[in-house]
């Protein structure tokens, strides 16, 4: 059974954490995913075997947390993540952000860099509301969004995604690829070349845009967006080992 954190906005976030040595690891999931996903549970077991502190949680409107998905936006979920890190962890954390969670991790890097020891982006999707969803809309979909406030998009992962006007407009206030992005800690970007949701060009753009002393991108030929094959999970583990073994 999960525990719950009530945020300053009154949202109840489901979470599971295990104690251990620091820096702890915080997993930030993707859009409409939850903390019971393959990568979240794999990383939890990985951390437990090594006595490493670990936190996974559900954003509001996701999984077992309060609220409806359609009510949320990037800013809400970034706030949820910031309060989870501030309220449920101690000291610097190693953030592992998957897809949208990669964008959330970059927003936390801007907001609370002193709490971040390192960052791993797995198929990170910064600015996807603008560059992926809005840019991909037809004129008819854009008109529907502005007039009705929402558009339903088919999904390969189950029920349709409801994209709201609030999500698009809020996303424009959270863009990280249009202004300087300083990442003063080690950053590892992991990206599959067969990712149909976040093309590798996004990873290359992020690599070119971000400024920092230690930023690296690993492209995995044939890996898809889920990045959950045995080989991909092993690569995530090796990347964590490398970052946690680094001095400082």
C-alpha atoms as a PDB file:
ATOM      1  CA  UNK A   1       0.000   0.000   0.000  1.00  0.00           C
ATOM      2  CA  UNK A   2       1.314   3.456  -0.849  1.00  0.00           C
ATOM      3  CA  UNK A   3       1.729   6.279   1.579  1.00  0.00           C
ATOM      4  CA  UNK A   4       0.390   9.746   0.795  1.00  0.00           C
ATOM      5  CA  UNK A   5       1.831  13.252   0.826  1.00  0.00           C
ATOM      6  CA  UNK A   6      -0.572  16.206   0.842  1.00  0.00           C
ATOM      7  CA  UNK A   7       0.905  19.101  -1.105  1.00  0.00           C
ATOM      8  CA  UNK A   8       0.510  22.799  -0.395  1.00  0.00           C
ATOM      9  CA  UNK A   9      -2.128  22.860  -3.155  1.00  0.00           C
ATOM     10  CA  UNK A  10      -4.103  20.147  -1.364  1.00  0.00           C
ATOM     11  CA  UNK A  11      -3.293  17.333  -3.792  1.00  0.00           C
ATOM     12  CA  UNK A  12      -2.706  13.854  -2.301  1.00  0.00           C
ATOM     13  CA  UNK A  13       0.297  12.183  -3.885  1.00  0.00           C
ATOM     14  CA  UNK A  14       0.749   8.430  -3.580  1.00  0.00           C
ATOM     15  CA  UNK A  15       4.349   7.427  -3.004  1.00  0.00           C
ATOM     16  CA  UNK A  16       6.623   4.590  -1.949  1.00  0.00           C
ATOM     17  CA  UNK A  17      10.048   5.185  -0.531  1.00  0.00           C
ATOM     18  CA  UNK A  18      12.801   3.092   0.948  1.00  0.00           C
ATOM     19  CA  UNK A  19      15.529   4.318   3.209  1.00  0.00           C
ATOM     20  CA  UNK A  20      19.208   3.993   2.524  1.00  0.00           C
ATOM     21  CA  UNK A  21      22.373   5.924   1.885  1.00  0.00           C
ATOM     22  CA  UNK A  22      22.516   9.046  -0.215  1.00  0.00           C
ATOM     23  CA  UNK A  23      22.471  10.460  -2.724  1.00  0.00           C
ATOM     24  CA  UNK A  24      19.006   9.000  -3.023  1.00  0.00           C
ATOM     25  CA  UNK A  25      17.347   8.163  -6.327  1.00  0.00           C
ATOM     26  CA  UNK A  26      14.035   9.727  -7.360  1.00  0.00           C
ATOM     27  CA  UNK A  27      12.103   8.299 -10.301  1.00  0.00           C
ATOM     28  CA  UNK A  28       9.975  10.737 -12.321  1.00  0.00           C
ATOM     29  CA  UNK A  29       7.514   8.953 -14.583  1.00  0.00           C
ATOM     30  CA  UNK A  30       6.013   9.880 -17.912  1.00  0.00           C
ATOM     31  CA  UNK A  31       2.667  11.223 -19.064  1.00  0.00           C
ATOM     32  CA  UNK A  32      -0.187   9.017 -17.809  1.00  0.00           C
ATOM     33  CA  UNK A  33       2.258   6.463 -16.409  1.00  0.00           C
ATOM     34  CA  UNK A  34       2.421   5.552 -12.741  1.00  0.00           C
ATOM     35  CA  UNK A  35       4.838   4.409 -10.090  1.00  0.00           C
ATOM     36  CA  UNK A  36       4.021   0.728 -10.722  1.00  0.00           C
ATOM     37  CA  UNK A  37       5.710   0.767 -14.144  1.00  0.00           C
ATOM     38  CA  UNK A  38       8.548  -1.514 -15.191  1.00  0.00           C
ATOM     39  CA  UNK A  39      11.343   1.052 -14.854  1.00  0.00           C
ATOM     40  CA  UNK A  40      10.119   2.395 -11.494  1.00  0.00           C
ATOM     41  CA  UNK A  41       9.934  -1.060  -9.914  1.00  0.00           C
ATOM     42  CA  UNK A  42      13.209  -2.199 -11.485  1.00  0.00           C
ATOM     43  CA  UNK A  43      15.036   0.845 -10.136  1.00  0.00           C
ATOM     44  CA  UNK A  44      13.481   0.406  -6.698  1.00  0.00           C
ATOM     45  CA  UNK A  45      14.772  -3.184  -6.537  1.00  0.00           C
ATOM     46  CA  UNK A  46      18.147  -2.033  -7.882  1.00  0.00           C
ATOM     47  CA  UNK A  47      18.410   0.609  -5.140  1.00  0.00           C
ATOM     48  CA  UNK A  48      17.278  -1.753  -2.391  1.00  0.00           C
ATOM     49  CA  UNK A  49      19.960  -4.302  -3.301  1.00  0.00           C
ATOM     50  CA  UNK A  50      22.566  -1.586  -2.860  1.00  0.00           C
ATOM     51  CA  UNK A  51      21.170   0.023   0.277  1.00  0.00           C
ATOM     52  CA  UNK A  52      20.412   3.212  -1.642  1.00  0.00           C
ATOM     53  CA  UNK A  53      17.518   5.534  -0.723  1.00  0.00           C
ATOM     54  CA  UNK A  54      14.781   5.515  -3.379  1.00  0.00           C
ATOM     55  CA  UNK A  55      11.521   7.359  -4.032  1.00  0.00           C
ATOM     56  CA  UNK A  56       8.786   6.767  -6.606  1.00  0.00           C
ATOM     57  CA  UNK A  57       5.465   8.589  -6.654  1.00  0.00           C
ATOM     58  CA  UNK A  58       2.414   9.379  -8.762  1.00  0.00           C
ATOM     59  CA  UNK A  59       1.781  12.912 -10.009  1.00  0.00           C
ATOM     60  CA  UNK A  60      -1.715  14.220  -9.308  1.00  0.00           C
ATOM     61  CA  UNK A  61      -4.198  12.760 -11.790  1.00  0.00           C
ATOM     62  CA  UNK A  62      -1.920   9.741 -12.244  1.00  0.00           C
ATOM     63  CA  UNK A  63      -1.995   6.296 -10.671  1.00  0.00           C
ATOM     64  CA  UNK A  64      -3.223   6.314  -7.082  1.00  0.00           C
ATOM     65  CA  UNK A  65      -2.876  10.057  -6.458  1.00  0.00           C
ATOM     66  CA  UNK A  66      -5.853  12.389  -6.192  1.00  0.00           C
ATOM     67  CA  UNK A  67      -7.320  14.385  -9.054  1.00  0.00           C
ATOM     68  CA  UNK A  68      -8.175  13.696 -12.683  1.00  0.00           C
ATOM     69  CA  UNK A  69      -5.592  13.633 -15.435  1.00  0.00           C
ATOM     70  CA  UNK A  70      -7.561  16.150 -17.493  1.00  0.00           C
ATOM     71  CA  UNK A  71      -7.307  18.697 -14.672  1.00  0.00           C
ATOM     72  CA  UNK A  72      -3.511  18.711 -14.620  1.00  0.00           C
ATOM     73  CA  UNK A  73      -0.697  20.339 -16.544  1.00  0.00           C
ATOM     74  CA  UNK A  74       3.097  20.395 -16.626  1.00  0.00           C
ATOM     75  CA  UNK A  75       3.281  23.115 -13.980  1.00  0.00           C
ATOM     76  CA  UNK A  76       1.104  21.124 -11.562  1.00  0.00           C
ATOM     77  CA  UNK A  77       3.165  17.988 -12.027  1.00  0.00           C
ATOM     78  CA  UNK A  78       6.430  19.890 -11.648  1.00  0.00           C
ATOM     79  CA  UNK A  79       5.070  21.348  -8.398  1.00  0.00           C
ATOM     80  CA  UNK A  80       4.134  17.833  -7.261  1.00  0.00           C
ATOM     81  CA  UNK A  81       7.663  16.622  -7.997  1.00  0.00           C
ATOM     82  CA  UNK A  82       9.292  19.570  -6.231  1.00  0.00           C
ATOM     83  CA  UNK A  83       7.201  18.989  -3.101  1.00  0.00           C
ATOM     84  CA  UNK A  84       7.914  15.246  -3.186  1.00  0.00           C
ATOM     85  CA  UNK A  85      11.659  15.883  -3.368  1.00  0.00           C
ATOM     86  CA  UNK A  86      11.533  18.604  -0.703  1.00  0.00           C
ATOM     87  CA  UNK A  87       9.228  16.728   1.670  1.00  0.00           C
ATOM     88  CA  UNK A  88      10.223  13.093   1.245  1.00  0.00           C
ATOM     89  CA  UNK A  89      13.983  13.116   0.635  1.00  0.00           C
ATOM     90  CA  UNK A  90      17.065  14.458   2.363  1.00  0.00           C
ATOM     91  CA  UNK A  91      20.131  15.943   0.739  1.00  0.00           C
ATOM     92  CA  UNK A  92      21.091  15.795  -2.930  1.00  0.00           C
ATOM     93  CA  UNK A  93      19.151  13.373  -5.142  1.00  0.00           C
ATOM     94  CA  UNK A  94      19.853  11.617  -8.415  1.00  0.00           C
ATOM     95  CA  UNK A  95      16.829  12.256 -10.613  1.00  0.00           C
ATOM     96  CA  UNK A  96      15.798   9.655 -13.183  1.00  0.00           C
ATOM     97  CA  UNK A  97      13.212  11.189 -15.509  1.00  0.00           C
ATOM     98  CA  UNK A  98      11.396   9.107 -18.112  1.00  0.00           C
ATOM     99  CA  UNK A  99       9.771  10.859 -21.098  1.00  0.00           C
ATOM    100  CA  UNK A 100       7.732  13.714 -19.561  1.00  0.00           C
ATOM    101  CA  UNK A 101       9.640  12.999 -16.358  1.00  0.00           C
ATOM    102  CA  UNK A 102      12.769  14.151 -18.174  1.00  0.00           C
ATOM    103  CA  UNK A 103      11.136  17.549 -18.725  1.00  0.00           C
ATOM    104  CA  UNK A 104      10.037  17.612 -15.076  1.00  0.00           C
ATOM    105  CA  UNK A 105      13.621  16.809 -14.013  1.00  0.00           C
ATOM    106  CA  UNK A 106      14.935  19.729 -16.078  1.00  0.00           C
ATOM    107  CA  UNK A 107      12.368  22.039 -14.461  1.00  0.00           C
ATOM    108  CA  UNK A 108      13.555  20.859 -11.030  1.00  0.00           C
ATOM    109  CA  UNK A 109      17.145  21.518 -12.136  1.00  0.00           C
ATOM    110  CA  UNK A 110      16.157  25.107 -12.800  1.00  0.00           C
ATOM    111  CA  UNK A 111      14.155  25.358  -9.583  1.00  0.00           C
ATOM    112  CA  UNK A 112      16.229  23.528  -6.965  1.00  0.00           C
ATOM    113  CA  UNK A 113      19.702  22.763  -8.382  1.00  0.00           C
ATOM    114  CA  UNK A 114      21.184  22.468  -4.903  1.00  0.00           C
ATOM    115  CA  UNK A 115      19.076  19.320  -4.340  1.00  0.00           C
ATOM    116  CA  UNK A 116      20.275  17.539  -7.473  1.00  0.00           C
ATOM    117  CA  UNK A 117      23.395  15.361  -7.467  1.00  0.00           C
ATOM    118  CA  UNK A 118      22.963  14.141 -11.044  1.00  0.00           C
ATOM    119  CA  UNK A 119      20.271  13.636 -13.666  1.00  0.00           C
ATOM    120  CA  UNK A 120      19.405  10.781 -16.010  1.00  0.00           C
ATOM    121  CA  UNK A 121      16.933  11.426 -18.808  1.00  0.00           C
ATOM    122  CA  UNK A 122      15.382   8.339 -20.414  1.00  0.00           C
ATOM    123  CA  UNK A 123      13.759   9.325 -23.722  1.00  0.00           C
ATOM    124  CA  UNK A 124      13.434  12.780 -22.164  1.00  0.00           C
ATOM    125  CA  UNK A 125      10.637  14.844 -23.701  1.00  0.00           C
ATOM    126  CA  UNK A 126      11.258  18.526 -22.904  1.00  0.00           C
ATOM    127  CA  UNK A 127       8.753  20.958 -24.413  1.00  0.00           C
ATOM    128  CA  UNK A 128       6.653  18.114 -25.879  1.00  0.00           C
ATOM    129  CA  UNK A 129       3.354  19.955 -25.425  1.00  0.00           C
ATOM    130  CA  UNK A 130       4.584  22.602 -27.862  1.00  0.00           C
ATOM    131  CA  UNK A 131       6.970  20.758 -30.177  1.00  0.00           C
ATOM    132  CA  UNK A 132       5.164  17.426 -30.242  1.00  0.00           C
ATOM    133  CA  UNK A 133       1.460  17.927 -29.580  1.00  0.00           C
ATOM    134  CA  UNK A 134       0.712  21.499 -30.684  1.00  0.00           C
ATOM    135  CA  UNK A 135       3.097  21.340 -33.643  1.00  0.00           C
ATOM    136  CA  UNK A 136       1.460  18.091 -34.746  1.00  0.00           C
ATOM    137  CA  UNK A 137      -2.118  19.349 -34.536  1.00  0.00           C
ATOM    138  CA  UNK A 138      -4.076  20.029 -37.684  1.00  0.00           C
ATOM    139  CA  UNK A 139      -5.801  23.388 -38.087  1.00  0.00           C
ATOM    140  CA  UNK A 140      -9.066  21.661 -37.162  1.00  0.00           C
ATOM    141  CA  UNK A 141      -7.580  20.233 -33.950  1.00  0.00           C
ATOM    142  CA  UNK A 142      -6.137  23.609 -32.971  1.00  0.00           C
ATOM    143  CA  UNK A 143      -9.518  25.226 -33.535  1.00  0.00           C
ATOM    144  CA  UNK A 144     -11.260  22.510 -31.503  1.00  0.00           C
ATOM    145  CA  UNK A 145      -8.787  22.947 -28.654  1.00  0.00           C
ATOM    146  CA  UNK A 146      -9.274  26.710 -28.532  1.00  0.00           C
ATOM    147  CA  UNK A 147     -13.069  26.527 -28.824  1.00  0.00           C
ATOM    148  CA  UNK A 148     -13.892  23.441 -26.731  1.00  0.00           C
ATOM    149  CA  UNK A 149     -10.867  23.479 -24.449  1.00  0.00           C
ATOM    150  CA  UNK A 150      -9.847  19.885 -25.174  1.00  0.00           C
ATOM    151  CA  UNK A 151      -8.924  17.371 -27.855  1.00  0.00           C
ATOM    152  CA  UNK A 152      -8.854  13.573 -27.447  1.00  0.00           C
ATOM    153  CA  UNK A 153      -5.845  11.871 -29.042  1.00  0.00           C
ATOM    154  CA  UNK A 154      -5.618   8.118 -29.674  1.00  0.00           C
ATOM    155  CA  UNK A 155      -2.953   6.341 -27.638  1.00  0.00           C
ATOM    156  CA  UNK A 156      -0.931   3.174 -28.133  1.00  0.00           C
ATOM    157  CA  UNK A 157      -1.014   2.677 -24.370  1.00  0.00           C
ATOM    158  CA  UNK A 158      -4.775   2.421 -23.689  1.00  0.00           C
ATOM    159  CA  UNK A 159      -7.550   5.007 -23.479  1.00  0.00           C
ATOM    160  CA  UNK A 160      -7.176   8.243 -25.448  1.00  0.00           C
ATOM    161  CA  UNK A 161      -5.114  11.125 -24.110  1.00  0.00           C
ATOM    162  CA  UNK A 162      -7.272  14.160 -23.435  1.00  0.00           C
ATOM    163  CA  UNK A 163      -5.153  17.215 -24.241  1.00  0.00           C
ATOM    164  CA  UNK A 164      -6.521  20.406 -22.720  1.00  0.00           C
ATOM    165  CA  UNK A 165      -6.038  24.006 -23.669  1.00  0.00           C
ATOM    166  CA  UNK A 166      -4.696  24.566 -20.144  1.00  0.00           C
ATOM    167  CA  UNK A 167      -2.019  21.901 -20.666  1.00  0.00           C
ATOM    168  CA  UNK A 168      -0.846  23.517 -23.898  1.00  0.00           C
ATOM    169  CA  UNK A 169      -0.889  27.078 -22.556  1.00  0.00           C
ATOM    170  CA  UNK A 170       0.783  26.141 -19.270  1.00  0.00           C
ATOM    171  CA  UNK A 171       3.424  24.161 -21.166  1.00  0.00           C
ATOM    172  CA  UNK A 172       4.400  27.344 -23.003  1.00  0.00           C
ATOM    173  CA  UNK A 173       5.352  28.842 -19.644  1.00  0.00           C
ATOM    174  CA  UNK A 174       7.615  25.860 -18.815  1.00  0.00           C
ATOM    175  CA  UNK A 175       9.660  25.508 -22.007  1.00  0.00           C
ATOM    176  CA  UNK A 176      13.320  24.710 -21.378  1.00  0.00           C
ATOM    177  CA  UNK A 177      14.746  24.622 -24.922  1.00  0.00           C
ATOM    178  CA  UNK A 178      14.098  28.315 -25.677  1.00  0.00           C
ATOM    179  CA  UNK A 179      16.128  29.924 -22.891  1.00  0.00           C
ATOM    180  CA  UNK A 180      19.516  29.180 -21.304  1.00  0.00           C
ATOM    181  CA  UNK A 181      19.506  25.820 -19.521  1.00  0.00           C
ATOM    182  CA  UNK A 182      22.376  25.352 -17.091  1.00  0.00           C
ATOM    183  CA  UNK A 183      22.917  21.872 -15.663  1.00  0.00           C
ATOM    184  CA  UNK A 184      25.861  22.144 -13.237  1.00  0.00           C
ATOM    185  CA  UNK A 185      25.897  18.434 -12.327  1.00  0.00           C
ATOM    186  CA  UNK A 186      26.488  15.204 -14.298  1.00  0.00           C
ATOM    187  CA  UNK A 187      23.756  14.541 -16.877  1.00  0.00           C
ATOM    188  CA  UNK A 188      23.232  11.305 -18.813  1.00  0.00           C
ATOM    189  CA  UNK A 189      20.676  11.162 -21.614  1.00  0.00           C
ATOM    190  CA  UNK A 190      19.584   7.698 -22.789  1.00  0.00           C
ATOM    191  CA  UNK A 191      17.626   7.507 -26.035  1.00  0.00           C
ATOM    192  CA  UNK A 192      16.421   4.767 -28.363  1.00  0.00           C
ATOM    193  CA  UNK A 193      16.712   5.227 -32.122  1.00  0.00           C
ATOM    194  CA  UNK A 194      13.386   3.406 -32.690  1.00  0.00           C
ATOM    195  CA  UNK A 195      11.439   5.691 -30.330  1.00  0.00           C
ATOM    196  CA  UNK A 196       8.173   6.551 -32.122  1.00  0.00           C
ATOM    197  CA  UNK A 197       7.047   9.034 -29.432  1.00  0.00           C
ATOM    198  CA  UNK A 198      10.194  11.091 -28.787  1.00  0.00           C
ATOM    199  CA  UNK A 199      12.479  11.110 -31.831  1.00  0.00           C
ATOM    200  CA  UNK A 200      16.226  11.086 -31.288  1.00  0.00           C
ATOM    201  CA  UNK A 201      16.371  14.621 -32.683  1.00  0.00           C
ATOM    202  CA  UNK A 202      14.880  15.799 -29.368  1.00  0.00           C
ATOM    203  CA  UNK A 203      17.793  14.256 -27.455  1.00  0.00           C
ATOM    204  CA  UNK A 204      20.297  15.809 -29.854  1.00  0.00           C
ATOM    205  CA  UNK A 205      18.619  19.194 -29.501  1.00  0.00           C
ATOM    206  CA  UNK A 206      18.715  18.960 -25.709  1.00  0.00           C
ATOM    207  CA  UNK A 207      22.370  17.922 -25.788  1.00  0.00           C
ATOM    208  CA  UNK A 208      23.229  20.894 -28.012  1.00  0.00           C
ATOM    209  CA  UNK A 209      21.174  23.361 -25.976  1.00  0.00           C
ATOM    210  CA  UNK A 210      22.068  22.525 -22.362  1.00  0.00           C
ATOM    211  CA  UNK A 211      25.184  23.979 -20.746  1.00  0.00           C
ATOM    212  CA  UNK A 212      27.149  22.034 -18.168  1.00  0.00           C
ATOM    213  CA  UNK A 213      30.500  20.442 -17.398  1.00  0.00           C
ATOM    214  CA  UNK A 214      29.461  16.796 -17.840  1.00  0.00           C
ATOM    215  CA  UNK A 215      26.580  16.069 -20.231  1.00  0.00           C
ATOM    216  CA  UNK A 216      26.550  12.904 -22.343  1.00  0.00           C
ATOM    217  CA  UNK A 217      24.052  11.259 -24.680  1.00  0.00           C
ATOM    218  CA  UNK A 218      23.871   7.516 -25.341  1.00  0.00           C
ATOM    219  CA  UNK A 219      21.868   6.386 -28.379  1.00  0.00           C
ATOM    220  CA  UNK A 220      20.679   2.776 -28.307  1.00  0.00           C
ATOM    221  CA  UNK A 221      20.021   1.406 -31.774  1.00  0.00           C
ATOM    222  CA  UNK A 222      16.602  -0.224 -32.032  1.00  0.00           C
ATOM    223  CA  UNK A 223      15.363   0.720 -28.550  1.00  0.00           C
ATOM    224  CA  UNK A 224      11.788   2.028 -28.383  1.00  0.00           C
ATOM    225  CA  UNK A 225      10.114   4.616 -26.164  1.00  0.00           C
ATOM    226  CA  UNK A 226       9.444   2.234 -23.301  1.00  0.00           C
ATOM    227  CA  UNK A 227      13.222   1.627 -22.920  1.00  0.00           C
ATOM    228  CA  UNK A 228      12.343  -1.359 -20.738  1.00  0.00           C
ATOM    229  CA  UNK A 229      14.058  -4.312 -22.413  1.00  0.00           C
ATOM    230  CA  UNK A 230      16.566  -6.268 -20.335  1.00  0.00           C
ATOM    231  CA  UNK A 231      19.419  -4.547 -22.167  1.00  0.00           C
ATOM    232  CA  UNK A 232      17.930  -1.083 -21.623  1.00  0.00           C
ATOM    233  CA  UNK A 233      17.304  -1.715 -17.929  1.00  0.00           C
ATOM    234  CA  UNK A 234      20.887  -2.963 -17.580  1.00  0.00           C
ATOM    235  CA  UNK A 235      22.158   0.229 -19.240  1.00  0.00           C
ATOM    236  CA  UNK A 236      20.156   2.371 -16.798  1.00  0.00           C
ATOM    237  CA  UNK A 237      21.707   0.427 -13.925  1.00  0.00           C
ATOM    238  CA  UNK A 238      25.239   0.838 -15.272  1.00  0.00           C
ATOM    239  CA  UNK A 239      24.625   4.549 -15.722  1.00  0.00           C
ATOM    240  CA  UNK A 240      23.482   4.844 -12.116  1.00  0.00           C
ATOM    241  CA  UNK A 241      26.538   2.909 -10.935  1.00  0.00           C
ATOM    242  CA  UNK A 242      28.841   5.263 -12.820  1.00  0.00           C
ATOM    243  CA  UNK A 243      27.215   8.398 -11.455  1.00  0.00           C
ATOM    244  CA  UNK A 244      27.068   7.149  -7.878  1.00  0.00           C
ATOM    245  CA  UNK A 245      30.708   6.038  -7.957  1.00  0.00           C
ATOM    246  CA  UNK A 246      31.918   9.431  -9.119  1.00  0.00           C
ATOM    247  CA  UNK A 247      33.756  11.494  -6.502  1.00  0.00           C
ATOM    248  CA  UNK A 248      31.802  14.304  -4.863  1.00  0.00           C
END
